Amino acid sequence: MKKLFYSILASVLLSACTQVPIGNGNNNPSNGQRIKAKVIRITCATTVVQILDSNFYGLGETWTVNGTSTTYEHVAVVSNKCEFPANLTEGSEFYFKQINEADANNDCAVCMMYDFPPSKGIFLKVVQ
């Protein structure tokens, strides 16, 4: 009975965990170009940005904030959240270059809260 309980408990706990969407580390359509974006939302689990450069709208998707009617166009999750500068806050506009997953440093702790992020993710490096 104990084994069954622990098996069920482990299944429930593992199914409750989700992974932040990651970009396709081998597909870098920006070719090192600067892309303008805006910070839409920052939580302990995810950072959501909106692509403002029409040439790169394809990096994002349409997304509605869970529990609201607020919808954004051309948004994506920052897949390498650990490298995202702390001085950029919600509403900040900035430029970035898309990078490959292999070039991203994402070795930090983030909370495991599931906050219903967009399904698309991108690896990026903030630039001037």
Protein backbone atom coordinates (compact mmCIF):
# COMPACT_ATOMS: atom_id res chain seq x y z
CA MET A 1 0.00 0.00 0.00
CA LYS A 2 2.86 2.34 0.85
CA LYS A 3 4.52 1.71 -2.51
CA LEU A 4 1.27 2.48 -4.32
CA PHE A 5 0.87 5.71 -2.35
CA TYR A 6 4.42 6.84 -3.13
CA SER A 7 4.03 5.92 -6.79
CA ILE A 8 0.85 7.96 -7.07
CA LEU A 9 2.42 10.86 -5.16
CA ALA A 10 5.49 10.84 -7.42
CA SER A 11 3.30 10.79 -10.53
CA VAL A 12 1.25 13.75 -9.31
CA LEU A 13 4.33 15.77 -8.37
CA LEU A 14 6.11 15.07 -11.64
CA SER A 15 3.07 15.91 -13.73
CA ALA A 16 2.72 19.23 -11.87
CA CYS A 17 6.16 20.36 -13.03
CA THR A 18 6.40 22.12 -16.35
CA GLN A 19 9.29 23.32 -18.40
CA VAL A 20 9.71 26.85 -19.64
CA PRO A 21 9.47 26.88 -23.43
CA ILE A 22 12.87 26.94 -25.04
CA GLY A 23 13.74 28.36 -28.37
CA ASN A 24 15.08 26.28 -31.17
CA GLY A 25 18.77 26.63 -30.44
CA ASN A 26 19.73 25.68 -33.98
CA ASN A 27 17.41 28.13 -35.73
CA ASN A 28 18.60 31.73 -35.58
CA PRO A 29 16.65 33.72 -38.18
CA SER A 30 17.92 37.09 -36.96
CA ASN A 31 21.47 36.51 -38.25
CA GLY A 32 22.90 38.64 -35.47
CA GLN A 33 20.68 41.64 -36.17
CA ARG A 34 19.44 43.88 -33.34
CA ILE A 35 15.76 43.35 -32.62
CA LYS A 36 13.63 45.80 -30.65
CA ALA A 37 11.43 44.37 -27.89
CA LYS A 38 9.44 45.34 -24.80
CA VAL A 39 9.18 43.58 -21.45
CA ILE A 40 5.56 42.51 -20.92
CA ARG A 41 5.73 40.45 -17.74
CA ILE A 42 8.32 39.29 -15.24
CA THR A 43 7.64 36.61 -12.63
CA CYS A 44 9.99 34.41 -10.65
CA ALA A 45 9.43 31.71 -13.28
CA THR A 46 9.33 33.52 -16.63
CA THR A 47 10.04 36.73 -18.47
CA VAL A 48 7.73 37.52 -21.39
CA VAL A 49 8.81 39.95 -24.11
CA GLN A 50 6.97 41.43 -27.07
CA ILE A 51 8.81 41.71 -30.39
CA LEU A 52 8.43 45.27 -31.70
CA ASP A 53 10.40 44.82 -34.94
CA SER A 54 7.95 43.76 -37.67
CA ASN A 55 10.70 41.88 -39.53
CA PHE A 56 10.86 39.42 -36.61
CA TYR A 57 7.21 39.06 -35.57
CA GLY A 58 7.55 35.36 -36.37
CA LEU A 59 9.69 34.88 -33.25
CA GLY A 60 6.57 35.43 -31.14
CA GLU A 61 2.92 34.46 -31.02
CA THR A 62 -0.44 35.77 -29.87
CA TRP A 63 -0.90 35.20 -26.14
CA THR A 64 -3.62 35.99 -23.62
CA VAL A 65 -2.69 36.48 -19.97
CA ASN A 66 -4.37 33.66 -18.07
CA GLY A 67 -7.48 34.75 -16.19
CA THR A 68 -7.79 38.03 -18.09
CA SER A 69 -8.88 39.30 -21.46
CA THR A 70 -5.51 41.01 -22.01
CA THR A 71 -3.99 39.75 -25.26
CA TYR A 72 -0.57 40.53 -26.71
CA GLU A 73 0.73 39.95 -30.23
CA HIS A 74 4.25 38.74 -31.09
CA VAL A 75 5.32 37.63 -27.60
CA ALA A 76 7.72 34.93 -26.42
CA VAL A 77 9.33 33.70 -23.24
CA VAL A 78 12.99 34.51 -22.62
CA SER A 79 14.43 30.99 -22.57
CA ASN A 80 17.66 32.06 -20.87
CA LYS A 81 16.00 34.01 -18.04
CA CYS A 82 19.15 33.89 -15.91
CA GLU A 83 20.97 36.20 -18.32
CA PHE A 84 18.16 38.76 -18.55
CA PRO A 85 19.29 42.07 -16.97
CA ALA A 86 17.62 42.92 -13.65
CA ASN A 87 17.45 46.61 -14.57
CA LEU A 88 14.90 45.89 -17.33
CA THR A 89 11.43 45.99 -15.81
CA GLU A 90 7.90 45.60 -17.14
CA GLY A 91 7.34 48.21 -19.84
CA SER A 92 11.05 48.65 -20.63
CA GLU A 93 12.01 48.70 -24.30
CA PHE A 94 15.37 47.26 -25.30
CA TYR A 95 17.33 45.71 -28.14
CA PHE A 96 18.54 42.14 -28.29
CA LYS A 97 20.28 39.69 -30.58
CA GLN A 98 18.96 36.17 -30.85
CA ILE A 99 21.56 33.61 -29.80
CA ASN A 100 21.83 29.84 -30.04
CA GLU A 101 21.05 27.66 -27.05
CA ALA A 102 24.69 26.56 -26.91
CA ASP A 103 25.75 30.20 -26.43
CA ALA A 104 23.26 30.82 -23.62
CA ASN A 105 24.14 30.57 -19.96
CA ASN A 106 21.06 29.43 -18.08
CA ASP A 107 22.65 27.99 -14.98
CA CYS A 108 20.66 29.54 -12.17
CA ALA A 109 17.69 28.73 -9.96
CA VAL A 110 14.21 29.88 -10.97
CA CYS A 111 10.98 29.10 -9.18
CA MET A 112 8.84 26.27 -10.49
CA MET A 113 5.58 28.24 -10.47
CA TYR A 114 3.57 27.60 -13.61
CA ASP A 115 2.34 31.00 -14.76
CA PHE A 116 0.82 30.07 -18.15
CA PRO A 117 3.55 31.58 -20.35
CA PRO A 118 3.47 31.78 -24.15
CA SER A 119 4.51 28.52 -25.80
CA LYS A 120 7.25 30.12 -27.92
CA GLY A 121 10.61 30.82 -26.37
CA ILE A 122 13.78 32.52 -27.58
CA PHE A 123 17.36 32.68 -26.38
CA LEU A 124 18.58 36.26 -26.45
CA LYS A 125 21.36 38.63 -25.46
CA VAL A 126 20.44 42.21 -24.59
CA VAL A 127 22.56 44.72 -26.54
CA GLN A 128 22.81 48.52 -26.86
